[in-house]
């Protein structure tokens, strides 16, 4: 594993040439609000998944519309990815949304 430093953030490059996101990357990001923010949520492809994710998004981002959610499925259809963009109003809003999404049992990861 190789480690490099870029913009004050330590980045580790794994042997397979992937770059996991450093734990402190989001904390050091300088976002100016309001800003357009894309989000991608990957989880289990079960009947209630899309409605569950939409409900969480709607709670934190009231203006989000279900018609703007884009879904994609893994090759074996075991997982479902939901993507959308919204105007983030504050860091607190984003943190609360991320916390609720990542705590949900159907969610595998959030980007």
C-alpha atoms as a PDB file:
ATOM      1  CA  UNK A   1       0.000   0.000   0.000  1.00  0.00           C
ATOM      2  CA  UNK A   2       1.292   3.437  -0.976  1.00  0.00           C
ATOM      3  CA  UNK A   3       0.380   6.648   0.846  1.00  0.00           C
ATOM      4  CA  UNK A   4       0.347  10.086  -0.748  1.00  0.00           C
ATOM      5  CA  UNK A   5      -0.754  13.478   0.528  1.00  0.00           C
ATOM      6  CA  UNK A   6      -2.988  15.661  -1.626  1.00  0.00           C
ATOM      7  CA  UNK A   7      -4.506  18.976  -0.542  1.00  0.00           C
ATOM      8  CA  UNK A   8      -3.662  18.203   3.070  1.00  0.00           C
ATOM      9  CA  UNK A   9      -5.449  14.839   3.003  1.00  0.00           C
ATOM     10  CA  UNK A  10      -3.623  11.530   3.349  1.00  0.00           C
ATOM     11  CA  UNK A  11      -4.650   9.136   0.584  1.00  0.00           C
ATOM     12  CA  UNK A  12      -3.816   5.443   0.631  1.00  0.00           C
ATOM     13  CA  UNK A  13      -3.632   3.560  -2.650  1.00  0.00           C
ATOM     14  CA  UNK A  14      -4.291  -0.154  -2.279  1.00  0.00           C
ATOM     15  CA  UNK A  15      -2.411  -2.831  -4.182  1.00  0.00           C
ATOM     16  CA  UNK A  16      -5.329  -3.213  -6.580  1.00  0.00           C
ATOM     17  CA  UNK A  17      -4.987   0.502  -7.460  1.00  0.00           C
ATOM     18  CA  UNK A  18      -8.200   1.519  -5.697  1.00  0.00           C
ATOM     19  CA  UNK A  19      -8.370   4.590  -3.525  1.00  0.00           C
ATOM     20  CA  UNK A  20     -10.646   4.302  -0.500  1.00  0.00           C
ATOM     21  CA  UNK A  21     -12.036   7.631   0.667  1.00  0.00           C
ATOM     22  CA  UNK A  22     -10.061   8.809   3.693  1.00  0.00           C
ATOM     23  CA  UNK A  23     -12.052   9.129   6.918  1.00  0.00           C
ATOM     24  CA  UNK A  24     -11.230  12.822   7.198  1.00  0.00           C
ATOM     25  CA  UNK A  25     -11.920  13.767   3.559  1.00  0.00           C
ATOM     26  CA  UNK A  26     -15.506  14.876   4.102  1.00  0.00           C
ATOM     27  CA  UNK A  27     -14.605  16.749   7.291  1.00  0.00           C
ATOM     28  CA  UNK A  28     -11.976  18.771   5.420  1.00  0.00           C
ATOM     29  CA  UNK A  29     -14.139  19.472   2.379  1.00  0.00           C
ATOM     30  CA  UNK A  30     -14.970  23.130   2.029  1.00  0.00           C
ATOM     31  CA  UNK A  31     -18.542  23.340   0.825  1.00  0.00           C
ATOM     32  CA  UNK A  32     -20.339  26.626   0.406  1.00  0.00           C
ATOM     33  CA  UNK A  33     -24.066  26.447   1.069  1.00  0.00           C
ATOM     34  CA  UNK A  34     -26.485  26.287  -0.523  1.00  0.00           C
ATOM     35  CA  UNK A  35     -24.929  23.941  -3.076  1.00  0.00           C
ATOM     36  CA  UNK A  36     -26.005  21.292  -5.540  1.00  0.00           C
ATOM     37  CA  UNK A  37     -25.222  17.906  -4.012  1.00  0.00           C
ATOM     38  CA  UNK A  38     -25.389  14.495  -5.703  1.00  0.00           C
ATOM     39  CA  UNK A  39     -26.058  11.457  -3.539  1.00  0.00           C
ATOM     40  CA  UNK A  40     -25.974   7.741  -4.299  1.00  0.00           C
ATOM     41  CA  UNK A  41     -27.434   5.140  -1.941  1.00  0.00           C
ATOM     42  CA  UNK A  42     -26.799   1.423  -2.477  1.00  0.00           C
ATOM     43  CA  UNK A  43     -28.883  -1.130  -0.652  1.00  0.00           C
ATOM     44  CA  UNK A  44     -30.758  -4.388  -0.720  1.00  0.00           C
ATOM     45  CA  UNK A  45     -33.186  -4.774  -3.613  1.00  0.00           C
ATOM     46  CA  UNK A  46     -36.335  -5.551  -1.651  1.00  0.00           C
ATOM     47  CA  UNK A  47     -39.858  -4.238  -2.339  1.00  0.00           C
ATOM     48  CA  UNK A  48     -39.763  -1.573   0.396  1.00  0.00           C
ATOM     49  CA  UNK A  49     -36.272  -0.227  -0.416  1.00  0.00           C
ATOM     50  CA  UNK A  50     -37.148   2.604  -2.810  1.00  0.00           C
ATOM     51  CA  UNK A  51     -40.026   3.905  -0.652  1.00  0.00           C
ATOM     52  CA  UNK A  52     -37.879   3.699   2.491  1.00  0.00           C
ATOM     53  CA  UNK A  53     -35.056   5.689   0.892  1.00  0.00           C
ATOM     54  CA  UNK A  54     -37.492   8.226  -0.538  1.00  0.00           C
ATOM     55  CA  UNK A  55     -39.075   8.732   2.907  1.00  0.00           C
ATOM     56  CA  UNK A  56     -35.661   9.376   4.489  1.00  0.00           C
ATOM     57  CA  UNK A  57     -34.667  11.761   1.700  1.00  0.00           C
ATOM     58  CA  UNK A  58     -38.003  13.604   1.942  1.00  0.00           C
ATOM     59  CA  UNK A  59     -37.595  14.015   5.710  1.00  0.00           C
ATOM     60  CA  UNK A  60     -34.275  15.818   5.275  1.00  0.00           C
ATOM     61  CA  UNK A  61     -34.804  17.358   1.830  1.00  0.00           C
ATOM     62  CA  UNK A  62     -38.507  18.298   1.601  1.00  0.00           C
ATOM     63  CA  UNK A  63     -38.248  19.478  -2.016  1.00  0.00           C
ATOM     64  CA  UNK A  64     -36.986  16.116  -3.327  1.00  0.00           C
ATOM     65  CA  UNK A  65     -39.399  14.431  -5.749  1.00  0.00           C
ATOM     66  CA  UNK A  66     -39.744  10.710  -6.274  1.00  0.00           C
ATOM     67  CA  UNK A  67     -39.735  11.175 -10.066  1.00  0.00           C
ATOM     68  CA  UNK A  68     -36.157  12.509  -9.791  1.00  0.00           C
ATOM     69  CA  UNK A  69     -34.772   9.335  -8.192  1.00  0.00           C
ATOM     70  CA  UNK A  70     -32.728   7.267 -10.635  1.00  0.00           C
ATOM     71  CA  UNK A  71     -32.429   3.560  -9.921  1.00  0.00           C
ATOM     72  CA  UNK A  72     -29.995   0.950 -11.181  1.00  0.00           C
ATOM     73  CA  UNK A  73     -29.575  -2.686 -10.219  1.00  0.00           C
ATOM     74  CA  UNK A  74     -26.619  -4.986  -9.736  1.00  0.00           C
ATOM     75  CA  UNK A  75     -26.083  -7.714 -12.328  1.00  0.00           C
ATOM     76  CA  UNK A  76     -27.813 -10.315 -10.163  1.00  0.00           C
ATOM     77  CA  UNK A  77     -30.459  -7.781  -8.999  1.00  0.00           C
ATOM     78  CA  UNK A  78     -29.528  -8.346  -5.365  1.00  0.00           C
ATOM     79  CA  UNK A  79     -28.738  -4.643  -4.861  1.00  0.00           C
ATOM     80  CA  UNK A  80     -30.385  -1.416  -5.927  1.00  0.00           C
ATOM     81  CA  UNK A  81     -28.687   1.956  -6.330  1.00  0.00           C
ATOM     82  CA  UNK A  82     -30.705   5.153  -5.954  1.00  0.00           C
ATOM     83  CA  UNK A  83     -29.208   8.435  -7.159  1.00  0.00           C
ATOM     84  CA  UNK A  84     -30.480  11.987  -7.056  1.00  0.00           C
ATOM     85  CA  UNK A  85     -29.283  15.568  -6.718  1.00  0.00           C
ATOM     86  CA  UNK A  86     -30.591  18.186  -4.353  1.00  0.00           C
ATOM     87  CA  UNK A  87     -29.724  21.637  -3.093  1.00  0.00           C
ATOM     88  CA  UNK A  88     -28.057  21.162   0.276  1.00  0.00           C
ATOM     89  CA  UNK A  89     -28.818  24.033   2.619  1.00  0.00           C
ATOM     90  CA  UNK A  90     -26.291  23.286   5.378  1.00  0.00           C
ATOM     91  CA  UNK A  91     -23.649  20.888   6.624  1.00  0.00           C
ATOM     92  CA  UNK A  92     -26.008  19.919   9.450  1.00  0.00           C
ATOM     93  CA  UNK A  93     -28.674  18.883   6.926  1.00  0.00           C
ATOM     94  CA  UNK A  94     -26.193  16.710   5.044  1.00  0.00           C
ATOM     95  CA  UNK A  95     -24.814  15.130   8.233  1.00  0.00           C
ATOM     96  CA  UNK A  96     -28.276  14.208   9.526  1.00  0.00           C
ATOM     97  CA  UNK A  97     -29.290  12.740   6.164  1.00  0.00           C
ATOM     98  CA  UNK A  98     -26.082  10.708   5.907  1.00  0.00           C
ATOM     99  CA  UNK A  99     -26.411   9.469   9.504  1.00  0.00           C
ATOM    100  CA  UNK A 100     -29.982   8.264   9.016  1.00  0.00           C
ATOM    101  CA  UNK A 101     -29.257   6.612   5.685  1.00  0.00           C
ATOM    102  CA  UNK A 102     -26.131   4.785   6.864  1.00  0.00           C
ATOM    103  CA  UNK A 103     -27.880   3.604  10.028  1.00  0.00           C
ATOM    104  CA  UNK A 104     -30.690   1.912   8.081  1.00  0.00           C
ATOM    105  CA  UNK A 105     -30.422  -1.862   7.860  1.00  0.00           C
ATOM    106  CA  UNK A 106     -31.227  -1.984   4.127  1.00  0.00           C
ATOM    107  CA  UNK A 107     -28.480   0.480   3.183  1.00  0.00           C
ATOM    108  CA  UNK A 108     -25.028  -0.877   2.355  1.00  0.00           C
ATOM    109  CA  UNK A 109     -23.277   2.421   1.523  1.00  0.00           C
ATOM    110  CA  UNK A 110     -23.891   6.084   0.742  1.00  0.00           C
ATOM    111  CA  UNK A 111     -21.779   8.340  -1.469  1.00  0.00           C
END
